[in-house]
Each structure stands twice: as C-alpha cells, then as structure tokens.
Amino acid sequence: MTATGTLRVVPLGGVGEIGKNMIALCYEGDILIIDAGLAFPEEEMLGIDVVIPDITFLKEGSGKVVGVVLTHGHEDHIGALPYLLHDLDAPVFGTPLTLGLAEAKVREKGESGSVDFRPVRPGQRVEIGCFQVEFFRVNHAVPDTVGLAIHSPAGIVVHSGDFKFDQTPVDGQVTDYHKLAELGRSEVLLLLSDSTNAERPGYTPSERVVGETLYEIMRTKRGRILVASFASNVHRIQQVLDAACSLGRKVCVVGRSMQDTVAIAMQLGYLHAPPDLIVSVEEACRLPAAQCVVLCTGSQGEPLSALARMSVGEHRAISLAPGDVVIIAATPVPGNEKLVHRTIDNLFRRGAEVIYGPESGVHVSGHGSREELKMMINLVRPRYFIPIHGEYRHLVHHAALAREVGLGEGQVLFGENGTVFAFSQGHGRIAGRVPSGQVLVDGLGVGDVGSVVLRDRHQLARDGILVAVLAARASTGELVAGPDLISRGFVYMRQSEELLTEAARAVLEVLKREELDLRDWSAVKSVVREVLGRFVYERTRRRPMILPIIVEV
C-alpha cells in the first residue's frame, strides 16, 4: 500500500556550496539529519573561525529530530556536530572511525558527556524513528565512508555519501556494487549524489597512485621529507607510513589534528605501523636527514598550522633547511589558494624543494569524476534525482549528466540550501523554502557576528578608527575638556598632529555654535560623527570609523 504522508527532503547546507553539508528528511513529525558539517570562512569574513549551517528550521518545532547519521569523518560532514548537539538531543549513528573522529570534535567543545553515539557497520540496517537506514560501503579519502539507503514510508532515498569508484583501494575495501545494483532493482524514489567533480571528465585515479609516487620521491631524495596532508586522510597517512617503513625512515607526526587522527585511527585499527616506526619530534630532529619523514598539517596554508609555521621559521621544534623536500599532498579548497601559495613561496625562500600541484602525482581526489557519477545513477536507477555536495556550477553539470543517462526533465529536481523537496504517493516537486544560510562562529560566540559586525570589521581594516573623547560636567552638561582625538589605523599621530588639531577645532566650533547639552549623548554623538566624518573625508578621502566617547565629571 502506498503511504499517504509526504516526505520532505530539506538541504540545510552543502547544496550550492562546498562545505557545511547537512540534509534533513522529514516525515510526519520525525526528522532524520544526514551529516552536520562546517565550512571554512571566506577571505572577507574577518576574524571568523568556522561557518556552520543555520538550524532554525530544526529548532522551530517542525518535528522531532530522531537521529543524526554521519556518512564519514571529514570536517565538512562532522565539524558542526558539537554546535548541533548543543541545541538538539538526538542519537548519532556512524561507522567506528567516523564516530571516533566525531567524538573528538564534540569532546573538544565540551559537549561529549551526554551524547548517545551508536556505532554501525557497512551492511547494517537500523531503525531510526519511522526510517530504516541501511549503510553501504563506498570509497573516499577516509576509511569507513558509507552511503545510505533510507527506507521511508514514502519510498527509498539513496544518499551516495562522498564517493569514487576505486578498483584498488588502499585498504582493499571496494564499494558495495552489489548493494547499489540491488537498490536499483528496488524502485528507488530519490538519489542524492555527490557533485564535487561533475566538471571533471573520465574517472578519478586510485589512491594507490599517490602511494607509488610518495615511495619514489622518498627513494630518490636524500634529504628530510615533509608531507603535508589533510589530517583526516587516513589512507594517505597509511601510504606515507608504508613508504617510510620500506625505505628505513622514521616518521614523526606534527600538528594537533594530525596527531589526534593518527592516535584514533591506530587505536581503532585503521592505521598499521611497526611499534618503532613513529618517533617523537625531538628524536626525529636528532636523526640524519635521509632517515626522517615529517607528517604534518598545513596543506591548506592555515596560518597557525605546523607547515605554515615552519615556512616562516616559527615552529618550536623543526627548522627547514636547504635539501629538505616538502610534499603538499592535497589541492587547495576553494578560497584557500592564496594561503597555500603564500606558504609555498615561503618554503622556497627557506631553500626547501616543494612538490605540489596536480601534475606532481602526490594527490588524487576522493570524489568520482563524470563517468563515475553516471555509473552511480545507472546503478541506482532512481525515479527522481537531486544533485548535492557542490557549488552551483557543479550541480548544473551533474543535473545535465543525469539527463544524459536517461532521466527526464521532470525527474531531475534542482535547488539550493533551504529548498523543500516534497514526495507524496511517488511524485516529487519543489514545495517552498525554509530558513537556511550560514551561522558564523567567532571564538566562543555562535551566531553573534552578523553582517553589521562584519561591515564594521571591514571598515576598520580599510580605513581605521578615530576616537573623539569629550569631558562634560555632569550637573550642567557643559564641555569641560576635549575633544581629544585618538587615531588607530587611520593616520600616524605624530605626522598628522596638525590634521587632528584642525579636526578637533572643527568639532569644538560646531558644539559651541549649536549650544548642545552634552548630557544629551545621542544628539552630541550624532553631531560629532557628522562633523568629523565630513572634515576627514574632505581632507583625506578616507572614511574611518568614528567613535565619540563622552565622559561625565
């Protein structure tokens, strides 16, 4: 019998952008969340640490969150979990490595005490509210990545996870093609599929290609080898360990996130190394260069990362020297290109040889290219298809691929974050929007920095600040002293004393002429801002932030 209720599929992040992946499936009061990721701030987001999805829709009482399902352990899929669990109470399902990495993130934010983590294995099926969720293995840059077959009363929804079809994976665990084909014979209602490489033709090379390249570099270079990679790329880390072991080199791990990942993956059995292979940083510094490999963070040029500190000579233990070989085994995440290039320039300045870029063979994508995306659609054979996990152009290209392999125009549904896709009695449509967007995290503040604060930060960065201090008699409101002008980031005080003296004089003349009562703070501040702003712009063509301060004496 066909269910009469409506299944709503609502992407809250990761659709039309790279990062902060989160999708909600809603059916008659039950809400299942797939992933809870973060994104890194864009260059104009001054002072922002990370960006997370807006979960207003989940908090406003539209239903009960019955569970959170994680597809894998990358930060763009688990990084927002601590913030989500701060506001919502729900069990979290994931494979052992994914939950190990997620629990470390949650513990770091002090939220882990009451979290209900429930480990699952590929091939397992669990009941979560009105949904039954099957986990099937797919290949990606981190082990234990899964796709999802979600059996809802309205039909089967398949979520591909981040995937590629690697025929020779490092851990020997290939994608569960049998399950995908089985699902394709089961009348899948909807496929949600990774669009990251929808512009890239052909097939994505196997991760083993990187291992062969790393081995050859270590074999032919006599200097110290430094490898920077994503901390969560456990397959890449394993291949560094394997190559170093084969060539008689010791490995030291530098960078907190890399150390945490190695420790968790070792403990859970996802990384394997002889007991004496990994050494401390102090011991590594005493080894001959030809016997040392440094595995570190910093592949994205993060200013506080281990590699970035080494590139400017500020790392506490490791100093680069001519003859060192630095391998950047990653490609820049969109928006990080300048940081990465700056780090590479600094590495070259210190005399290191730097191996980087797609032509070097030290990195392959963890996402499938166009032919693999077509294969996923052909295996699953969905009635409806929604491209997810990609910027807008990736979604457009992926939608075109779906049409190429035979899906009709009405079968390909297209939207962005906040779009509500509704499925009822086997029919799909777009049924409106819900609040969505981005929440900015700055230190301990979550969502307290908005467009107004960012605008002020840009103004401060661009033109500086000018503070005008006035002292007023509390009893009468008369001006006692000032205005004294203090400048930061606007003009250099000693060289611009005449300018600031004239500006103060202009403010004083207006205050006397207007005969303002300084106890009327609002009116006085408005006048000071207007006079100073006009005077400064006429003289300098700059618009510093003007901050009047009135002190009562």
Protein backbone atom coordinates (compact mmCIF):
# COMPACT_ATOMS: atom_id res chain seq x y z
CA MET A 1 0.00 0.00 0.00
CA THR A 2 1.35 3.44 -0.91
CA ALA A 3 1.96 5.79 2.03
CA THR A 4 -0.32 8.81 2.12
CA GLY A 5 2.08 11.08 4.00
CA THR A 6 4.59 13.48 2.50
CA LEU A 7 8.34 13.04 2.72
CA ARG A 8 10.18 16.35 2.76
CA VAL A 9 13.88 16.49 1.87
CA VAL A 10 15.46 19.76 3.02
CA PRO A 11 19.15 20.57 2.40
CA LEU A 12 20.38 22.99 5.08
CA GLY A 13 23.97 23.12 3.81
CA GLY A 14 26.28 21.80 1.12
CA VAL A 15 23.99 22.46 -1.85
CA GLY A 16 25.32 25.30 -3.98
CA GLU A 17 28.50 25.50 -1.89
CA ILE A 18 31.48 23.48 -0.74
CA GLY A 19 31.21 22.58 2.94
CA LYS A 20 28.73 22.57 5.87
CA ASN A 21 26.86 19.56 4.50
CA MET A 22 23.55 18.85 6.21
CA ILE A 23 20.28 17.42 4.91
CA ALA A 24 17.04 16.84 6.84
CA LEU A 25 14.50 14.17 5.90
CA CYS A 26 11.09 14.84 7.46
CA TYR A 27 8.09 12.53 7.59
CA GLU A 28 5.05 13.14 9.83
CA GLY A 29 6.94 14.66 12.74
CA ASP A 30 10.13 12.57 12.52
CA ILE A 31 13.28 14.32 11.29
CA LEU A 32 16.40 12.42 10.28
CA ILE A 33 19.56 14.52 9.81
CA ILE A 34 22.28 13.39 7.40
CA ASP A 35 25.68 14.88 8.32
CA ALA A 36 26.48 18.03 10.28
CA GLY A 37 29.43 19.76 8.63
CA LEU A 38 31.19 23.08 8.77
CA ALA A 39 32.83 25.31 6.18
CA PHE A 40 35.91 27.45 6.50
CA PRO A 41 35.46 31.24 6.33
CA GLU A 42 35.89 33.14 3.12
CA GLU A 43 38.58 35.78 2.92
CA GLU A 44 36.21 38.66 3.64
CA MET A 45 34.92 37.03 6.86
CA LEU A 46 37.44 38.80 9.06
CA GLY A 47 38.07 37.10 12.39
CA ILE A 48 35.62 34.24 11.79
CA ASP A 49 36.80 30.76 12.80
CA VAL A 50 34.29 28.50 11.06
CA VAL A 51 30.87 28.64 9.39
CA ILE A 52 28.05 26.24 10.27
CA PRO A 53 24.51 25.70 8.92
CA ASP A 54 21.53 27.65 10.18
CA ILE A 55 19.35 25.11 12.04
CA THR A 56 16.43 27.44 12.77
CA PHE A 57 14.17 25.05 10.84
CA LEU A 58 15.12 22.17 13.17
CA LYS A 59 14.63 24.22 16.33
CA GLU A 60 11.33 25.88 15.49
CA GLY A 61 9.21 22.85 16.33
CA SER A 62 8.57 21.40 12.87
CA GLY A 63 9.20 17.91 14.25
CA LYS A 64 11.39 15.79 16.50
CA VAL A 65 14.95 15.00 15.44
CA VAL A 66 15.08 11.21 15.82
CA GLY A 67 18.71 10.77 14.81
CA VAL A 68 21.83 12.13 13.14
CA VAL A 69 23.53 9.89 10.59
CA LEU A 70 27.13 10.60 9.59
CA THR A 71 28.49 9.38 6.25
CA HIS A 72 32.20 9.87 7.06
CA GLY A 73 34.71 11.72 9.23
CA HIS A 74 35.66 14.81 7.22
CA GLU A 75 35.07 18.17 8.89
CA ASP A 76 32.67 19.33 6.19
CA HIS A 77 30.43 16.47 7.40
CA ILE A 78 31.06 16.26 11.17
CA GLY A 79 32.53 19.66 12.16
CA ALA A 80 29.20 21.27 13.13
CA LEU A 81 28.09 18.31 15.24
CA PRO A 82 29.09 19.91 18.60
CA TYR A 83 27.02 23.02 17.79
CA LEU A 84 24.06 20.93 16.61
CA LEU A 85 24.08 18.74 19.72
CA HIS A 86 24.26 21.82 21.93
CA ASP A 87 20.74 22.70 20.75
CA LEU A 88 19.26 19.30 19.87
CA ASP A 89 19.24 15.98 21.72
CA ALA A 90 19.44 13.00 19.35
CA PRO A 91 21.45 9.79 18.94
CA VAL A 92 24.36 9.92 16.47
CA PHE A 93 24.97 6.98 14.12
CA GLY A 94 28.17 6.33 12.20
CA THR A 95 30.90 3.82 11.49
CA PRO A 96 33.59 3.36 14.19
CA LEU A 97 36.26 5.64 12.68
CA THR A 98 33.69 8.31 11.84
CA LEU A 99 32.36 8.29 15.40
CA GLY A 100 35.91 8.28 16.80
CA LEU A 101 36.74 11.45 14.87
CA ALA A 102 33.33 12.99 15.65
CA GLU A 103 33.62 12.26 19.36
CA ALA A 104 37.00 14.01 19.44
CA LYS A 105 35.38 17.09 17.89
CA VAL A 106 32.48 17.02 20.34
CA ARG A 107 34.79 16.46 23.33
CA GLU A 108 36.91 19.43 22.25
CA LYS A 109 33.82 21.63 22.56
CA GLY A 110 32.83 20.14 25.92
CA GLU A 111 29.62 18.53 24.67
CA SER A 112 30.51 14.81 24.75
CA GLY A 113 29.27 13.88 28.22
CA SER A 114 25.65 13.11 27.33
CA VAL A 115 25.94 12.33 23.61
CA ASP A 116 24.46 8.98 22.54
CA PHE A 117 26.95 7.65 19.95
CA ARG A 118 25.78 4.45 18.24
CA PRO A 119 28.35 2.66 16.05
CA VAL A 120 27.22 0.83 12.93
CA ARG A 121 28.95 -1.26 10.28
CA PRO A 122 28.59 -1.27 6.48
CA GLY A 123 25.83 -3.71 5.61
CA GLN A 124 23.92 -3.00 8.83
CA ARG A 125 20.31 -1.75 8.88
CA VAL A 126 18.98 0.26 11.81
CA GLU A 127 15.59 1.72 12.69
CA ILE A 128 15.59 5.45 13.46
CA GLY A 129 12.11 6.81 14.09
CA CYS A 130 9.93 5.97 11.09
CA PHE A 131 13.04 5.47 8.93
CA GLN A 132 15.09 2.33 8.38
CA VAL A 133 18.64 3.20 7.37
CA GLU A 134 20.97 0.80 5.55
CA PHE A 135 24.68 1.63 5.48
CA PHE A 136 26.68 0.52 2.43
CA ARG A 137 30.40 0.88 1.81
CA VAL A 138 31.77 3.45 -0.65
CA ASN A 139 35.33 4.59 -1.36
CA HIS A 140 36.53 8.05 -0.37
CA ALA A 141 39.64 9.73 1.02
CA VAL A 142 38.91 8.49 4.55
CA PRO A 143 38.16 4.87 5.55
CA ASP A 144 34.75 3.80 6.84
CA THR A 145 32.88 6.08 4.43
CA VAL A 146 29.34 4.92 3.75
CA GLY A 147 26.40 5.72 1.56
CA LEU A 148 22.86 5.43 2.88
CA ALA A 149 19.72 3.65 1.73
CA ILE A 150 16.94 5.25 3.76
CA HIS A 151 13.68 3.28 3.71
CA SER A 152 10.91 5.78 4.46
CA PRO A 153 7.15 5.23 4.32
CA ALA A 154 7.15 7.29 1.11
CA GLY A 155 9.89 5.28 -0.61
CA ILE A 156 13.63 4.59 -0.67
CA VAL A 157 16.03 7.54 -0.60
CA VAL A 158 19.65 6.79 -1.51
CA HIS A 159 22.38 9.19 -0.34
CA SER A 160 25.66 8.44 -2.13
CA GLY A 161 27.94 9.91 0.53
CA ASP A 162 31.20 11.34 -0.77
CA PHE A 163 32.35 8.64 -3.18
CA LYS A 164 34.51 7.47 -6.03
CA PHE A 165 34.74 4.01 -7.62
CA ASP A 166 38.27 2.98 -6.66
CA GLN A 167 39.01 -0.51 -8.01
CA THR A 168 42.22 -0.83 -5.96
CA PRO A 169 41.58 0.95 -2.63
CA VAL A 170 44.41 1.13 -0.11
CA ASP A 171 42.50 -0.91 2.49
CA GLY A 172 41.15 -3.41 -0.04
CA GLN A 173 37.53 -2.47 0.77
CA VAL A 174 35.79 -1.74 -2.53
CA THR A 175 32.44 -0.02 -2.97
CA ASP A 176 29.46 -2.31 -2.42
CA TYR A 177 28.42 -2.50 -6.08
CA HIS A 178 26.13 -5.44 -5.28
CA LYS A 179 24.06 -3.32 -2.86
CA LEU A 180 23.85 -0.45 -5.34
CA ALA A 181 22.60 -2.81 -8.07
CA GLU A 182 20.16 -4.40 -5.62
CA LEU A 183 18.81 -0.96 -4.77
CA GLY A 184 18.46 -0.25 -8.48
CA ARG A 185 16.04 -3.20 -8.70
CA SER A 186 14.04 -1.93 -5.71
CA GLU A 187 12.38 1.14 -7.23
CA VAL A 188 14.42 3.88 -5.56
CA LEU A 189 12.36 7.02 -5.14
CA LEU A 190 15.23 9.51 -4.90
CA LEU A 191 19.01 9.62 -5.34
CA LEU A 192 21.02 12.37 -3.65
CA SER A 193 24.51 12.28 -5.16
CA ASP A 194 27.91 13.95 -4.68
CA SER A 195 28.55 16.60 -7.38
CA THR A 196 32.09 17.74 -6.47
CA ASN A 197 33.81 16.52 -9.65
CA ALA A 198 30.91 16.92 -12.07
CA GLU A 199 33.13 19.12 -14.27
CA ARG A 200 35.98 16.58 -14.47
CA PRO A 201 35.86 14.09 -17.38
CA GLY A 202 36.68 10.41 -17.14
CA TYR A 203 37.47 8.54 -13.93
CA THR A 204 39.29 9.63 -10.75
CA PRO A 205 42.59 7.74 -10.30
CA SER A 206 43.05 5.28 -7.45
CA GLU A 207 44.60 6.42 -4.17
CA ARG A 208 47.30 3.79 -4.76
CA VAL A 209 48.77 6.06 -7.46
CA VAL A 210 49.73 8.53 -4.73
CA GLY A 211 51.39 5.79 -2.69
CA GLU A 212 53.61 4.84 -5.63
CA THR A 213 54.61 8.48 -6.17
CA LEU A 214 55.38 9.01 -2.47
CA TYR A 215 57.56 5.89 -2.45
CA GLU A 216 59.55 7.06 -5.49
CA ILE A 217 60.12 10.52 -4.00
CA MET A 218 61.34 9.07 -0.71
CA ARG A 219 63.55 6.57 -2.55
CA THR A 220 65.26 9.11 -4.79
CA LYS A 221 65.58 12.09 -2.42
CA ARG A 222 68.34 12.09 0.18
CA GLY A 223 67.07 14.98 2.28
CA ARG A 224 64.46 15.09 5.00
CA ILE A 225 60.93 14.53 3.67
CA LEU A 226 57.97 16.55 4.97
CA VAL A 227 54.47 15.50 3.88
CA ALA A 228 51.52 17.85 4.46
CA SER A 229 48.07 16.37 4.02
CA PHE A 230 44.55 16.60 5.38
CA ALA A 231 44.64 15.15 8.87
CA SER A 232 41.59 13.01 8.14
CA ASN A 233 43.07 11.38 5.01
CA VAL A 234 43.92 8.12 6.76
CA HIS A 235 44.66 6.27 3.51
CA ARG A 236 47.26 8.90 2.61
CA ILE A 237 48.79 8.67 6.08
CA GLN A 238 48.98 4.86 5.77
CA GLN A 239 50.84 5.14 2.48
CA VAL A 240 53.34 7.59 3.99
CA LEU A 241 53.94 5.14 6.83
CA ASP A 242 54.30 2.21 4.42
CA ALA A 243 56.79 4.03 2.17
CA ALA A 244 58.85 5.25 5.13
CA CYS A 245 58.96 1.77 6.66
CA SER A 246 60.06 0.17 3.38
CA LEU A 247 62.91 2.66 2.98
CA GLY A 248 64.16 2.61 6.57
CA ARG A 249 62.93 6.10 7.51
CA LYS A 250 61.33 7.06 10.81
CA VAL A 251 58.16 9.16 10.93
CA CYS A 252 57.25 11.95 13.33
CA VAL A 253 53.73 13.37 13.42
CA VAL A 254 53.38 17.14 13.86
CA GLY A 255 50.20 19.18 14.33
CA ARG A 256 47.44 18.55 16.88
CA SER A 257 44.74 17.42 14.44
CA MET A 258 47.15 15.07 12.66
CA GLN A 259 48.31 13.62 15.99
CA ASP A 260 44.70 13.14 17.12
CA THR A 261 43.71 11.39 13.88
CA VAL A 262 46.73 9.08 13.94
CA ALA A 263 46.05 8.17 17.58
CA ILE A 264 42.34 7.47 16.97
CA ALA A 265 42.94 5.52 13.74
CA MET A 266 45.71 3.45 15.38
CA GLN A 267 43.53 2.69 18.40
CA LEU A 268 40.59 1.57 16.20
CA GLY A 269 42.78 -0.47 13.84
CA TYR A 270 42.51 1.71 10.73
CA LEU A 271 46.24 2.56 10.69
CA HIS A 272 49.01 -0.02 10.92
CA ALA A 273 52.69 0.58 11.65
CA PRO A 274 55.56 -1.20 13.44
CA PRO A 275 55.93 -0.01 17.05
CA ASP A 276 59.26 1.75 16.41
CA LEU A 277 58.29 3.49 13.16
CA ILE A 278 56.70 6.62 14.70
CA VAL A 279 59.08 8.69 16.84
CA SER A 280 58.84 11.93 18.79
CA VAL A 281 59.70 15.28 17.24
CA GLU A 282 62.78 15.55 19.47
CA GLU A 283 64.06 12.17 18.32
CA ALA A 284 63.33 12.99 14.68
CA CYS A 285 65.42 16.16 14.92
CA ARG A 286 68.40 14.05 16.01
CA LEU A 287 68.12 11.66 13.04
CA PRO A 288 70.13 12.07 9.81
CA ALA A 289 68.03 13.84 7.17
CA ALA A 290 67.90 10.74 4.96
CA GLN A 291 66.23 8.75 7.75
CA CYS A 292 63.43 11.16 8.64
CA VAL A 293 59.88 11.80 7.43
CA VAL A 294 57.72 14.53 9.00
CA LEU A 295 53.96 14.07 8.60
CA CYS A 296 52.25 17.37 9.32
CA THR A 297 49.21 19.58 8.98
CA GLY A 298 49.14 22.71 6.84
CA SER A 299 48.21 21.51 3.35
CA GLN A 300 45.69 24.38 3.16
CA GLY A 301 48.15 27.06 4.27
CA GLU A 302 46.34 27.64 7.58
CA PRO A 303 48.35 30.43 9.31
CA LEU A 304 48.69 28.55 12.62
CA SER A 305 49.37 25.11 11.12
CA ALA A 306 52.66 23.27 11.52
CA LEU A 307 53.76 23.72 7.91
CA ALA A 308 52.92 27.44 7.82
CA ARG A 309 54.96 28.00 11.00
CA MET A 310 57.89 26.06 9.54
CA SER A 311 57.71 28.10 6.34
CA VAL A 312 58.40 31.32 8.28
CA GLY A 313 60.83 29.83 10.79
CA GLU A 314 58.45 29.98 13.76
CA HIS A 315 57.93 26.30 14.56
CA ARG A 316 59.08 25.41 18.06
CA ALA A 317 60.99 22.25 17.06
CA ILE A 318 61.50 21.92 13.30
CA SER A 319 63.60 24.34 11.26
CA LEU A 320 63.69 23.94 7.50
CA ALA A 321 67.00 23.84 5.68
CA PRO A 322 68.21 23.55 2.07
CA GLY A 323 67.88 19.94 0.98
CA ASP A 324 64.54 19.41 2.73
CA VAL A 325 61.75 18.15 0.43
CA VAL A 326 58.21 19.30 1.19
CA ILE A 327 55.33 17.36 -0.38
CA ILE A 328 51.94 19.09 -0.31
CA ALA A 329 49.68 16.08 -0.81
CA ALA A 330 46.42 17.98 -1.27
CA THR A 331 44.80 20.54 -3.52
CA PRO A 332 43.58 23.87 -2.15
CA VAL A 333 39.98 24.00 -1.00
CA PRO A 334 38.26 26.82 -2.96
CA GLY A 335 39.09 30.07 -1.18
CA ASN A 336 42.38 28.80 0.29
CA GLU A 337 44.50 29.30 -2.83
CA LYS A 338 46.23 32.47 -1.62
CA LEU A 339 47.16 30.92 1.73
CA VAL A 340 48.57 27.81 0.05
CA HIS A 341 50.57 29.79 -2.49
CA ARG A 342 51.96 32.06 0.23
CA THR A 343 53.13 29.01 2.20
CA ILE A 344 54.74 27.51 -0.91
CA ASP A 345 56.59 30.78 -1.61
CA ASN A 346 57.87 30.88 1.97
CA LEU A 347 59.03 27.26 1.76
CA PHE A 348 61.02 28.05 -1.36
CA ARG A 349 62.53 31.09 0.38
CA ARG A 350 63.89 28.77 3.09
CA GLY A 351 65.65 26.68 0.46
CA ALA A 352 63.30 23.69 0.51
CA GLU A 353 62.25 21.78 -2.59
CA VAL A 354 58.46 21.82 -2.82
CA ILE A 355 56.46 19.19 -4.70
CA TYR A 356 52.84 20.17 -5.25
CA GLY A 357 50.09 20.53 -7.82
CA PRO A 358 48.01 18.06 -9.87
CA GLU A 359 50.85 17.24 -12.27
CA SER A 360 53.11 16.03 -9.45
CA GLY A 361 51.07 12.90 -8.71
CA VAL A 362 51.07 13.44 -4.93
CA HIS A 363 47.31 13.91 -4.68
CA VAL A 364 44.20 12.40 -6.19
CA SER A 365 40.65 13.43 -5.46
CA GLY A 366 38.40 11.43 -3.18
CA HIS A 367 35.41 12.24 -5.37
CA GLY A 368 34.23 10.49 -8.51
CA SER A 369 34.55 12.13 -11.93
CA ARG A 370 31.86 12.34 -14.61
CA GLU A 371 31.88 8.68 -15.69
CA GLU A 372 31.60 7.54 -12.07
CA LEU A 373 28.72 9.93 -11.44
CA LYS A 374 26.93 8.45 -14.47
CA MET A 375 27.60 4.93 -13.16
CA MET A 376 26.08 5.77 -9.78
CA ILE A 377 22.88 6.98 -11.45
CA ASN A 378 22.74 3.94 -13.75
CA LEU A 379 23.26 1.51 -10.87
CA VAL A 380 20.64 3.06 -8.58
CA ARG A 381 18.11 3.90 -11.36
CA PRO A 382 16.13 6.42 -9.27
CA ARG A 383 12.75 7.86 -10.12
CA TYR A 384 14.00 11.31 -9.03
CA PHE A 385 17.47 12.78 -8.75
CA ILE A 386 18.81 15.76 -6.77
CA PRO A 387 22.46 16.83 -7.17
CA ILE A 388 24.07 17.78 -3.85
CA HIS A 389 27.53 18.49 -2.39
CA GLY A 390 28.93 21.09 -4.75
CA GLU A 391 28.93 24.68 -5.84
CA TYR A 392 26.14 25.82 -8.14
CA ARG A 393 28.03 25.08 -11.37
CA HIS A 394 28.76 21.54 -10.14
CA LEU A 395 25.05 20.97 -9.55
CA VAL A 396 24.22 22.23 -13.04
CA HIS A 397 26.76 19.90 -14.66
CA HIS A 398 25.60 16.95 -12.56
CA ALA A 399 21.97 17.59 -13.49
CA ALA A 400 22.99 17.57 -17.15
CA LEU A 401 24.75 14.21 -16.65
CA ALA A 402 21.57 12.78 -15.17
CA ARG A 403 19.64 13.83 -18.26
CA GLU A 404 22.36 12.31 -20.47
CA VAL A 405 21.86 8.89 -18.92
CA GLY A 406 18.11 8.96 -19.47
CA LEU A 407 16.36 10.83 -16.65
CA GLY A 408 13.60 13.11 -17.90
CA GLU A 409 13.38 16.83 -17.26
CA GLY A 410 10.77 16.36 -14.54
CA GLN A 411 12.82 13.69 -12.80
CA VAL A 412 15.78 15.99 -12.11
CA LEU A 413 14.92 18.34 -9.23
CA PHE A 414 17.19 21.30 -8.69
CA GLY A 415 17.50 23.60 -5.70
CA GLU A 416 19.75 25.20 -3.12
CA ASN A 417 20.04 25.30 0.65
CA GLY A 418 16.58 25.78 2.16
CA THR A 419 14.66 24.34 -0.80
CA VAL A 420 11.93 21.92 0.31
CA PHE A 421 11.59 18.89 -1.97
CA ALA A 422 8.30 17.10 -1.30
CA PHE A 423 7.49 13.49 -2.27
CA SER A 424 3.98 12.16 -1.93
CA GLN A 425 2.45 9.00 -3.49
CA GLY A 426 5.53 8.58 -5.68
CA HIS A 427 5.51 12.11 -7.10
CA GLY A 428 8.18 14.73 -6.41
CA ARG A 429 8.03 18.52 -6.50
CA ILE A 430 9.54 21.67 -5.00
CA ALA A 431 7.26 22.82 -2.19
CA GLY A 432 8.73 26.09 -0.93
CA ARG A 433 11.61 27.11 1.29
CA VAL A 434 12.67 27.10 4.95
CA PRO A 435 15.15 29.39 6.72
CA SER A 436 18.72 28.50 5.78
CA GLY A 437 22.05 30.20 5.48
CA GLN A 438 25.20 30.43 7.50
CA VAL A 439 25.98 30.95 11.16
CA LEU A 440 29.37 32.48 11.90
CA VAL A 441 31.44 31.13 14.78
CA ASP A 442 33.93 33.57 16.31
CA GLY A 443 35.71 32.23 19.38
CA LEU A 444 33.02 31.20 21.87
CA GLY A 445 30.39 33.25 20.07
CA VAL A 446 28.00 31.32 17.82
CA GLY A 447 25.82 33.46 15.57
CA ASP A 448 26.53 36.73 17.39
CA VAL A 449 28.57 38.05 14.46
CA GLY A 450 26.39 39.15 11.59
CA SER A 451 26.58 41.38 8.55
CA VAL A 452 26.72 44.58 10.63
CA VAL A 453 29.72 43.38 12.66
CA LEU A 454 31.50 42.15 9.52
CA ARG A 455 30.85 45.50 7.86
CA ASP A 456 32.39 47.29 10.84
CA ARG A 457 35.41 44.98 10.70
CA HIS A 458 35.89 45.74 7.03
CA GLN A 459 35.66 49.46 7.70
CA LEU A 460 38.22 49.18 10.50
CA ALA A 461 40.53 47.13 8.28
CA ARG A 462 40.16 49.52 5.36
CA ASP A 463 40.17 52.98 6.98
CA GLY A 464 40.89 52.54 10.70
CA ILE A 465 39.22 54.23 13.65
CA LEU A 466 39.11 57.77 15.04
CA VAL A 467 38.05 58.15 18.68
CA ALA A 468 36.82 61.53 19.91
CA VAL A 469 36.83 61.90 23.73
CA LEU A 470 34.87 64.76 25.37
CA ALA A 471 34.52 65.53 29.08
CA ALA A 472 31.25 67.12 30.28
CA ARG A 473 30.15 68.47 33.64
CA ALA A 474 27.54 66.09 35.00
CA SER A 475 25.44 68.82 36.64
CA THR A 476 25.21 71.30 33.76
CA GLY A 477 26.21 69.42 30.59
CA GLU A 478 28.94 71.98 29.81
CA LEU A 479 32.06 70.96 27.93
CA VAL A 480 34.97 70.73 30.37
CA ALA A 481 37.72 69.29 28.14
CA GLY A 482 38.26 67.97 24.64
CA PRO A 483 37.62 66.87 22.12
CA ASP A 484 40.79 64.75 22.24
CA LEU A 485 41.24 62.66 19.09
CA ILE A 486 42.89 59.23 19.15
CA SER A 487 43.68 57.51 15.86
CA ARG A 488 44.36 53.82 15.12
CA GLY A 489 44.84 52.54 11.60
CA PHE A 490 43.81 55.92 10.16
CA VAL A 491 46.79 58.30 10.31
CA TYR A 492 50.06 58.23 12.21
CA MET A 493 49.58 60.61 15.15
CA ARG A 494 52.97 62.34 15.14
CA GLN A 495 52.91 63.05 11.42
CA SER A 496 49.29 64.24 11.42
CA GLU A 497 49.05 66.38 14.53
CA GLU A 498 48.00 69.39 12.51
CA LEU A 499 45.21 67.45 10.79
CA LEU A 500 43.86 66.11 14.08
CA THR A 501 44.16 69.54 15.77
CA GLU A 502 42.11 71.12 12.99
CA ALA A 503 39.56 68.32 13.20
CA ALA A 504 39.18 68.84 16.95
CA ARG A 505 38.81 72.56 16.41
CA ALA A 506 36.04 71.97 13.82
CA VAL A 507 34.12 69.79 16.29
CA LEU A 508 34.54 72.36 19.07
CA GLU A 509 33.24 75.20 16.90
CA VAL A 510 30.09 73.27 15.98
CA LEU A 511 29.41 72.27 19.60
CA LYS A 512 29.69 75.89 20.73
CA ARG A 513 27.59 77.18 17.88
CA GLU A 514 24.83 74.62 18.42
CA GLU A 515 24.96 75.16 22.23
CA LEU A 516 24.35 71.46 22.79
CA ASP A 517 23.77 69.99 26.23
CA LEU A 518 26.39 67.25 26.47
CA ARG A 519 24.09 65.25 28.71
CA ASP A 520 22.09 64.51 25.54
CA TRP A 521 24.54 61.85 24.49
CA SER A 522 22.65 60.74 21.38
CA ALA A 523 22.48 64.23 19.83
CA VAL A 524 26.11 65.07 20.69
CA LYS A 525 27.46 61.80 19.28
CA SER A 526 25.49 62.28 16.08
CA VAL A 527 26.90 65.79 15.62
CA VAL A 528 30.48 64.69 16.35
CA ARG A 529 30.24 61.82 13.85
CA GLU A 530 28.81 64.07 11.14
CA VAL A 531 31.35 66.88 11.61
CA LEU A 532 34.38 64.63 11.91
CA GLY A 533 33.26 62.39 9.06
CA ARG A 534 32.78 65.32 6.68
CA PHE A 535 36.04 67.06 7.71
CA VAL A 536 38.18 63.89 7.47
CA TYR A 537 36.76 62.87 4.10
CA GLU A 538 37.32 66.32 2.60
CA ARG A 539 40.94 66.32 3.79
CA THR A 540 41.93 62.66 3.26
CA ARG A 541 39.24 60.96 1.13
CA ARG A 542 39.05 58.28 3.86
CA ARG A 543 36.11 57.13 5.94
CA PRO A 544 37.42 55.83 9.28
CA MET A 545 35.04 54.50 11.89
CA ILE A 546 34.29 57.45 14.20
CA LEU A 547 33.64 56.63 17.84
CA PRO A 548 32.60 59.56 20.10
CA ILE A 549 33.04 58.99 23.84
CA ILE A 550 31.55 61.36 26.45
CA VAL A 551 32.90 61.24 30.00
CA GLU A 552 30.89 62.93 32.77
CA VAL A 553 32.90 64.63 35.54
